[in-house]
Every structure is written in C-alpha cells, then in structure tokens.
Amino acid sequence: MDTQMKNIAAEFVKAQKNKTPEGRMMEARLLREALPPPQGFNQFTGGTPLERMMRHVIFGASECWYWRGSIDTLGYGRTRMLGENRAHRASWRIFKGDIPDGMKVMHKCDTRCCVNPDHLMLGTQIENIRDMLNKGRFVAGKCDGEANPMARLTRNSVEEIRRLKQAGTKQIEIARMFGVSPMTISRAVRMESWK
C-alpha cells in the first residue's frame, strides 16, 4: 500500500471516530478520493433515475449514503435529475415521491452530501431554520477561512495552490489534488476567497 493510501486510511479511521456532521463530511471526502468514479463515468448517460442515482452513492462507511458525484461549495451533492439540481432532493423524489411547493428536503443526519432517503425529511424553511438552531448548527459572526466549519482548505493549502498555479499547473489538476471544485481553486487564486 503506497503512502498516500496509508494516509487516506488513517484519516478515514479518524473521521469515522468523529460522529459529528463534520466528521461524516470528512469521511465522505476521503471516500470520494479513495474511490474515484470509473473511467468514462457520466451521470447523464443511460439508465433510469434510480440507476443513475445509485451510480453516485458510496455505502458502508456509516448509515449515510455519500454522494460520490459533484459537491457544491456548501457541501451538497449536485446533479441534474428529475428537475432537481441537488442530489438529496432528487433522492427524495426517487424514493419518496413529489416535494410539495414551499417545502424543503432537510437532513436528519446533518450530513449535506447524504442521499439516504431515511435520513431525509420534509419541512418548511422555518422548520429548517429551527432544526439548525436546535442542533447548534448556526454560526454567528464572521466565518472565513479555516474558521468556516465547511472549509476544505487551510491557509497552507491555499498558499500551495497559488504556488502551483503560478508554476503553470492547470486549475483542474489542482482541484483534483485538493479534492475541491475548479471554481474553488479559481476563487482562491484570484483572491476572491482566502484573502
């Protein structure tokens, strides 16, 4: 086993012991790195919505079903399926049915990239905010950089990203190295984030 895989395995064990939503998000990130989609993988080709959904799911690490596909900057799975652009909403439609107007699909597990239908529930925006407050998920005040609980990068990694970009490395390659989107790399390089 090479050093990189040993490091991923060690981080994975650490993340599994951390039962918080942040620990589960770290676990999902590590799984996506360790188990990349197969060559030629395309979420838009063939199959029913259920088949396309299940091609993107990683099982077994915990009770969460981790979305293996694209993740937005807030940590939610991204897709274009059944008229939805968030994977957990598409999962609700596939497994539970329609989403009434004005209703949100909320996570009981607080793991934003989870698409397990048993971890999802419907609620209004007010119920969603109340749930967030009751679980202590609201962070008041400035929450930039490493202080942001959703941050995937550190100050040191951003400096390395800027060095790599200046040396001529493509943004897509840098994004793969750090497990973030090319847009995140672009914003860091242009100093729109991590100033």
Protein backbone atom coordinates (compact mmCIF):
# COMPACT_ATOMS: atom_id res chain seq x y z
CA MET A 1 0.00 0.00 0.00
CA ASP A 2 1.53 3.33 -1.02
CA THR A 3 2.00 6.21 1.41
CA GLN A 4 -0.93 8.23 0.03
CA MET A 5 -3.38 5.34 0.56
CA LYS A 6 -1.99 4.76 4.08
CA ASN A 7 -2.58 8.43 4.87
CA ILE A 8 -6.13 8.28 3.47
CA ALA A 9 -6.82 5.13 5.51
CA ALA A 10 -5.52 6.78 8.70
CA GLU A 11 -7.59 9.92 8.07
CA PHE A 12 -10.62 7.74 7.32
CA VAL A 13 -10.35 5.90 10.65
CA LYS A 14 -10.05 9.25 12.42
CA ALA A 15 -13.10 10.63 10.55
CA GLN A 16 -15.17 7.52 11.38
CA LYS A 17 -14.50 8.06 15.09
CA ASN A 18 -15.74 11.64 14.76
CA LYS A 19 -19.53 11.12 14.82
CA THR A 20 -20.30 14.80 14.13
CA PRO A 21 -21.63 16.02 10.76
CA GLU A 22 -18.17 17.45 10.08
CA GLY A 23 -16.65 14.01 10.68
CA ARG A 24 -19.12 12.43 8.27
CA MET A 25 -18.34 15.12 5.65
CA MET A 26 -14.62 14.37 6.07
CA GLU A 27 -15.39 10.66 5.75
CA ALA A 28 -17.30 11.31 2.50
CA ARG A 29 -14.48 13.43 1.08
CA LEU A 30 -11.95 10.72 1.86
CA LEU A 31 -14.13 8.05 0.26
CA ARG A 32 -14.52 10.13 -2.90
CA GLU A 33 -10.71 10.47 -3.07
CA ALA A 34 -10.06 6.79 -2.41
CA LEU A 35 -12.84 5.50 -4.70
CA PRO A 36 -12.91 7.74 -7.79
CA PRO A 37 -15.64 7.15 -10.38
CA PRO A 38 -14.75 4.66 -13.14
CA GLN A 39 -13.24 5.93 -16.44
CA GLY A 40 -15.89 7.29 -18.77
CA PHE A 41 -18.29 7.85 -15.84
CA ASN A 42 -21.07 10.25 -16.81
CA GLN A 43 -24.11 10.95 -14.67
CA PHE A 44 -26.20 11.87 -17.71
CA THR A 45 -25.81 8.67 -19.74
CA GLY A 46 -28.44 5.97 -19.78
CA GLY A 47 -30.47 4.25 -17.17
CA THR A 48 -33.41 5.17 -15.01
CA PRO A 49 -33.13 7.96 -12.42
CA LEU A 50 -32.70 5.26 -9.75
CA GLU A 51 -29.83 3.63 -11.68
CA ARG A 52 -28.15 7.00 -12.26
CA MET A 53 -28.58 7.90 -8.58
CA MET A 54 -27.11 4.63 -7.33
CA ARG A 55 -24.03 5.01 -9.57
CA HIS A 56 -23.17 8.08 -7.48
CA VAL A 57 -23.61 6.60 -4.00
CA ILE A 58 -20.96 5.19 -1.66
CA PHE A 59 -22.30 2.84 1.02
CA GLY A 60 -20.94 1.13 4.07
CA ALA A 61 -18.85 3.69 5.91
CA SER A 62 -21.78 4.70 8.13
CA GLU A 63 -25.55 4.80 7.78
CA CYS A 64 -25.21 7.79 5.45
CA TRP A 65 -25.24 7.26 1.70
CA TYR A 66 -22.46 9.54 0.49
CA TRP A 67 -22.84 11.31 -2.84
CA ARG A 68 -19.79 10.48 -4.97
CA GLY A 69 -20.57 13.00 -7.72
CA SER A 70 -20.06 16.74 -7.78
CA ILE A 71 -20.37 18.66 -4.50
CA ASP A 72 -21.26 22.36 -4.32
CA THR A 73 -19.46 24.90 -2.14
CA LEU A 74 -21.91 24.31 0.72
CA GLY A 75 -21.26 20.56 0.73
CA TYR A 76 -24.47 19.40 -1.00
CA GLY A 77 -24.39 16.84 -3.80
CA ARG A 78 -25.04 18.35 -7.23
CA THR A 79 -26.98 16.65 -10.01
CA ARG A 80 -29.44 17.32 -12.80
CA MET A 81 -32.07 14.69 -12.28
CA LEU A 82 -35.88 14.83 -12.19
CA GLY A 83 -35.80 18.62 -12.41
CA GLU A 84 -33.61 18.95 -9.31
CA ASN A 85 -30.08 20.28 -9.01
CA ARG A 86 -29.36 18.93 -5.52
CA ALA A 87 -28.79 15.21 -5.06
CA HIS A 88 -30.71 14.88 -1.78
CA ARG A 89 -33.81 16.43 -3.38
CA ALA A 90 -33.51 14.04 -6.35
CA SER A 91 -33.16 11.17 -3.88
CA TRP A 92 -36.38 12.24 -2.15
CA ARG A 93 -38.20 12.30 -5.50
CA ILE A 94 -36.87 8.85 -6.48
CA PHE A 95 -37.59 7.09 -3.17
CA LYS A 96 -40.43 9.06 -1.56
CA GLY A 97 -42.25 10.99 -4.31
CA ASP A 98 -43.08 14.61 -5.02
CA ILE A 99 -41.93 17.57 -2.98
CA PRO A 100 -44.88 19.90 -2.26
CA ASP A 101 -44.45 23.56 -3.19
CA GLY A 102 -42.70 25.56 -0.50
CA MET A 103 -41.26 22.51 1.24
CA LYS A 104 -37.57 21.86 1.85
CA VAL A 105 -35.86 18.47 1.97
CA MET A 106 -33.95 18.50 5.26
CA HIS A 107 -31.21 16.20 6.56
CA LYS A 108 -31.89 14.47 9.89
CA CYS A 109 -28.22 13.40 9.95
CA ASP A 110 -26.91 16.93 9.19
CA THR A 111 -24.58 15.47 6.55
CA ARG A 112 -25.18 17.61 3.50
CA CYS A 113 -23.82 15.11 0.97
CA CYS A 114 -26.01 12.29 2.32
CA VAL A 115 -28.73 11.00 -0.02
CA ASN A 116 -30.11 8.19 2.19
CA PRO A 117 -33.90 8.67 1.95
CA ASP A 118 -34.27 7.52 5.58
CA HIS A 119 -32.08 10.47 6.62
CA LEU A 120 -34.28 12.99 4.80
CA MET A 121 -37.49 14.70 5.86
CA LEU A 122 -39.76 17.41 4.51
CA GLY A 123 -40.16 20.71 6.30
CA THR A 124 -40.78 24.40 5.76
CA GLN A 125 -37.99 26.95 5.71
CA ILE A 126 -38.91 27.98 9.26
CA GLU A 127 -38.71 24.33 10.40
CA ASN A 128 -35.36 24.04 8.65
CA ILE A 129 -34.02 27.11 10.49
CA ARG A 130 -35.48 25.90 13.80
CA ASP A 131 -33.83 22.49 13.28
CA MET A 132 -30.49 24.18 12.58
CA LEU A 133 -30.78 26.32 15.73
CA ASN A 134 -31.85 23.38 17.92
CA LYS A 135 -28.87 21.34 16.77
CA GLY A 136 -26.42 24.20 17.33
CA ARG A 137 -25.55 24.37 13.61
CA PHE A 138 -25.92 28.17 13.39
CA VAL A 139 -22.64 30.06 13.43
CA ALA A 140 -22.94 33.77 14.13
CA GLY A 141 -20.39 36.33 13.09
CA LYS A 142 -17.59 36.22 10.55
CA CYS A 143 -16.72 32.72 9.46
CA ASP A 144 -13.98 32.98 6.85
CA GLY A 145 -11.12 30.66 6.01
CA GLU A 146 -10.34 27.86 8.45
CA ALA A 147 -12.92 29.26 10.90
CA ASN A 148 -15.64 28.14 8.49
CA PRO A 149 -16.75 24.62 9.50
CA MET A 150 -17.35 23.77 5.82
CA ALA A 151 -13.83 24.82 4.73
CA ARG A 152 -11.96 22.06 2.94
CA LEU A 153 -8.77 24.07 2.57
CA THR A 154 -6.30 25.51 5.04
CA ARG A 155 -4.20 28.67 4.80
CA ASN A 156 -1.16 26.49 3.94
CA SER A 157 -3.02 24.59 1.20
CA VAL A 158 -4.20 27.88 -0.35
CA GLU A 159 -0.61 29.15 -0.45
CA GLU A 160 0.42 25.88 -2.12
CA ILE A 161 -2.46 26.22 -4.62
CA ARG A 162 -1.29 29.72 -5.55
CA ARG A 163 2.29 28.48 -5.96
CA LEU A 164 1.15 25.59 -8.18
CA LYS A 165 -0.97 27.89 -10.34
CA GLN A 166 1.90 30.36 -10.72
CA ALA A 167 4.17 27.45 -11.76
CA GLY A 168 1.73 26.66 -14.59
CA THR A 169 -0.30 23.77 -13.16
CA LYS A 170 -3.83 23.65 -14.59
CA GLN A 171 -6.69 24.53 -12.22
CA ILE A 172 -8.47 21.24 -12.91
CA GLU A 173 -5.36 19.31 -11.83
CA ILE A 174 -5.01 21.42 -8.69
CA ALA A 175 -8.70 20.88 -7.91
CA ARG A 176 -8.23 17.10 -8.12
CA MET A 177 -5.15 17.27 -5.87
CA PHE A 178 -7.04 19.10 -3.14
CA GLY A 179 -10.47 17.47 -3.58
CA VAL A 180 -12.32 20.71 -4.34
CA SER A 181 -14.01 22.21 -7.38
CA PRO A 182 -12.11 24.15 -10.05
CA MET A 183 -14.21 27.18 -9.07
CA THR A 184 -12.87 26.97 -5.51
CA ILE A 185 -9.34 26.96 -6.94
CA SER A 186 -10.16 29.89 -9.21
CA ARG A 187 -11.54 31.97 -6.33
CA ALA A 188 -8.51 31.20 -4.16
CA VAL A 189 -6.06 32.06 -6.95
CA ARG A 190 -7.86 35.34 -7.78
CA MET A 191 -8.04 36.13 -4.04
CA GLU A 192 -11.84 36.31 -4.10
CA SER A 193 -11.61 33.94 -1.15
CA TRP A 194 -8.78 33.33 1.28
CA LYS A 195 -7.53 36.95 1.03
